[in-house]
Amino acid sequence: MDRCIENMIEFLQNEERATVTFSQGRYKTRIGKLAKERPKECQIVAENPDGSLCAHIPVTWIKINPGYQLTEEQREQKAESMWRNFHK
């Protein structure tokens, strides 16, 4: 059997809870920690034979956060600013 590589988020409009399935390690680890820290909000539903993990989380935890689109000049300015702040 091929290893599952699917990550999925599923929720219905106006619902408070989403079902998530992750096969990617960093997300599985994060969900595992959240399930221990916040069991009322995050419940692991299944750890599947293919290695994926299925859980319920609040819809409010789902964010779409695109990265910055910077020009080369903006990147250089940001790097210089970070360098100055780091070496104060």
C-alpha atoms as a PDB file:
ATOM      1  CA  MET A   1       0.000   0.000   0.000  1.00  0.00           C
ATOM      2  CA  ASP A   2       1.284   3.497  -0.844  1.00  0.00           C
ATOM      3  CA  ARG A   3       1.775   5.854   2.053  1.00  0.00           C
ATOM      4  CA  CYS A   4      -1.088   8.324   2.475  1.00  0.00           C
ATOM      5  CA  ILE A   5       0.025  11.896   1.784  1.00  0.00           C
ATOM      6  CA  GLU A   6      -3.318  13.650   2.086  1.00  0.00           C
ATOM      7  CA  ASN A   7      -4.056  16.550   4.428  1.00  0.00           C
ATOM      8  CA  MET A   8      -7.681  17.605   4.593  1.00  0.00           C
ATOM      9  CA  ILE A   9      -9.897  20.136   6.382  1.00  0.00           C
ATOM     10  CA  GLU A  10     -13.662  19.721   6.233  1.00  0.00           C
ATOM     11  CA  PHE A  11     -16.377  21.839   7.810  1.00  0.00           C
ATOM     12  CA  LEU A  12     -19.892  23.011   7.089  1.00  0.00           C
ATOM     13  CA  GLN A  13     -21.004  26.619   6.912  1.00  0.00           C
ATOM     14  CA  ASN A  14     -22.141  27.978  10.297  1.00  0.00           C
ATOM     15  CA  GLU A  15     -20.700  25.004  12.203  1.00  0.00           C
ATOM     16  CA  GLU A  16     -18.295  25.476  15.108  1.00  0.00           C
ATOM     17  CA  ARG A  17     -16.288  22.278  14.611  1.00  0.00           C
ATOM     18  CA  ALA A  18     -14.127  21.107  11.712  1.00  0.00           C
ATOM     19  CA  THR A  19     -12.809  17.645  10.960  1.00  0.00           C
ATOM     20  CA  VAL A  20      -9.158  17.557   9.944  1.00  0.00           C
ATOM     21  CA  THR A  21      -7.091  14.673   8.616  1.00  0.00           C
ATOM     22  CA  PHE A  22      -3.320  14.977   8.438  1.00  0.00           C
ATOM     23  CA  SER A  23      -0.647  12.610   7.230  1.00  0.00           C
ATOM     24  CA  GLN A  24       2.129  15.198   7.378  1.00  0.00           C
ATOM     25  CA  GLY A  25       4.224  14.810  10.526  1.00  0.00           C
ATOM     26  CA  ARG A  26       4.387  18.431  11.650  1.00  0.00           C
ATOM     27  CA  TYR A  27       0.597  18.744  11.621  1.00  0.00           C
ATOM     28  CA  LYS A  28       0.092  15.415  13.366  1.00  0.00           C
ATOM     29  CA  THR A  29       2.510  16.510  16.086  1.00  0.00           C
ATOM     30  CA  ARG A  30       0.764  19.861  16.483  1.00  0.00           C
ATOM     31  CA  ILE A  31      -2.698  18.272  16.698  1.00  0.00           C
ATOM     32  CA  GLY A  32      -1.380  15.745  19.243  1.00  0.00           C
ATOM     33  CA  LYS A  33      -0.040  18.525  21.477  1.00  0.00           C
ATOM     34  CA  LEU A  34      -3.241  20.542  21.180  1.00  0.00           C
ATOM     35  CA  ALA A  35      -5.363  17.493  22.037  1.00  0.00           C
ATOM     36  CA  LYS A  36      -3.364  17.095  25.282  1.00  0.00           C
ATOM     37  CA  GLU A  37      -3.303  20.805  26.144  1.00  0.00           C
ATOM     38  CA  ARG A  38      -6.893  21.634  25.157  1.00  0.00           C
ATOM     39  CA  PRO A  39      -8.963  18.418  25.182  1.00  0.00           C
ATOM     40  CA  LYS A  40     -12.310  20.228  25.235  1.00  0.00           C
ATOM     41  CA  GLU A  41     -11.462  21.968  21.952  1.00  0.00           C
ATOM     42  CA  CYS A  42      -9.336  19.395  20.130  1.00  0.00           C
ATOM     43  CA  GLN A  43     -10.165  15.689  20.052  1.00  0.00           C
ATOM     44  CA  ILE A  44      -8.291  13.025  18.116  1.00  0.00           C
ATOM     45  CA  VAL A  45     -10.952  10.841  16.513  1.00  0.00           C
ATOM     46  CA  ALA A  46      -8.717   8.215  14.882  1.00  0.00           C
ATOM     47  CA  GLU A  47      -5.129   7.282  14.210  1.00  0.00           C
ATOM     48  CA  ASN A  48      -5.485   5.429  10.929  1.00  0.00           C
ATOM     49  CA  PRO A  49      -3.513   2.363   9.748  1.00  0.00           C
ATOM     50  CA  ASP A  50      -2.024   4.447   6.899  1.00  0.00           C
ATOM     51  CA  GLY A  51      -0.390   6.756   9.473  1.00  0.00           C
ATOM     52  CA  SER A  52      -2.841   9.627   9.111  1.00  0.00           C
ATOM     53  CA  LEU A  53      -4.587  11.248  12.055  1.00  0.00           C
ATOM     54  CA  CYS A  54      -8.208  12.442  12.141  1.00  0.00           C
ATOM     55  CA  ALA A  55      -9.341  15.053  14.685  1.00  0.00           C
ATOM     56  CA  HIS A  56     -12.007  17.606  15.496  1.00  0.00           C
ATOM     57  CA  ILE A  57     -10.940  21.235  16.026  1.00  0.00           C
ATOM     58  CA  PRO A  58     -12.762  24.578  16.268  1.00  0.00           C
ATOM     59  CA  VAL A  59     -13.406  26.228  12.891  1.00  0.00           C
ATOM     60  CA  THR A  60     -11.928  29.426  14.356  1.00  0.00           C
ATOM     61  CA  TRP A  61      -8.514  27.731  14.335  1.00  0.00           C
ATOM     62  CA  ILE A  62      -8.558  27.526  10.534  1.00  0.00           C
ATOM     63  CA  LYS A  63      -6.708  30.427   8.942  1.00  0.00           C
ATOM     64  CA  ILE A  64      -5.694  31.174   5.385  1.00  0.00           C
ATOM     65  CA  ASN A  65      -2.567  33.245   5.693  1.00  0.00           C
ATOM     66  CA  PRO A  66      -0.673  33.903   2.466  1.00  0.00           C
ATOM     67  CA  GLY A  67       2.958  34.901   2.810  1.00  0.00           C
ATOM     68  CA  TYR A  68       4.335  38.279   1.904  1.00  0.00           C
ATOM     69  CA  GLN A  69       4.995  39.138  -1.714  1.00  0.00           C
ATOM     70  CA  LEU A  70       7.994  41.434  -1.449  1.00  0.00           C
ATOM     71  CA  THR A  71      10.139  42.980  -4.129  1.00  0.00           C
ATOM     72  CA  GLU A  72      13.879  42.325  -3.973  1.00  0.00           C
ATOM     73  CA  GLU A  73      14.364  45.868  -2.611  1.00  0.00           C
ATOM     74  CA  GLN A  74      11.778  45.272   0.140  1.00  0.00           C
ATOM     75  CA  ARG A  75      13.467  41.973   1.066  1.00  0.00           C
ATOM     76  CA  GLU A  76      16.826  43.723   1.370  1.00  0.00           C
ATOM     77  CA  GLN A  77      15.311  46.501   3.512  1.00  0.00           C
ATOM     78  CA  LYS A  78      13.625  43.949   5.767  1.00  0.00           C
ATOM     79  CA  ALA A  79      16.873  41.969   6.125  1.00  0.00           C
ATOM     80  CA  GLU A  80      18.836  45.134   7.001  1.00  0.00           C
ATOM     81  CA  SER A  81      16.214  46.156   9.542  1.00  0.00           C
ATOM     82  CA  MET A  82      16.246  42.716  11.166  1.00  0.00           C
ATOM     83  CA  TRP A  83      20.055  42.745  11.249  1.00  0.00           C
ATOM     84  CA  ARG A  84      20.094  46.177  12.960  1.00  0.00           C
ATOM     85  CA  ASN A  85      17.483  45.093  15.534  1.00  0.00           C
ATOM     86  CA  PHE A  86      19.317  41.850  16.241  1.00  0.00           C
ATOM     87  CA  HIS A  87      22.650  43.608  16.866  1.00  0.00           C
ATOM     88  CA  LYS A  88      21.445  46.376  19.189  1.00  0.00           C
END
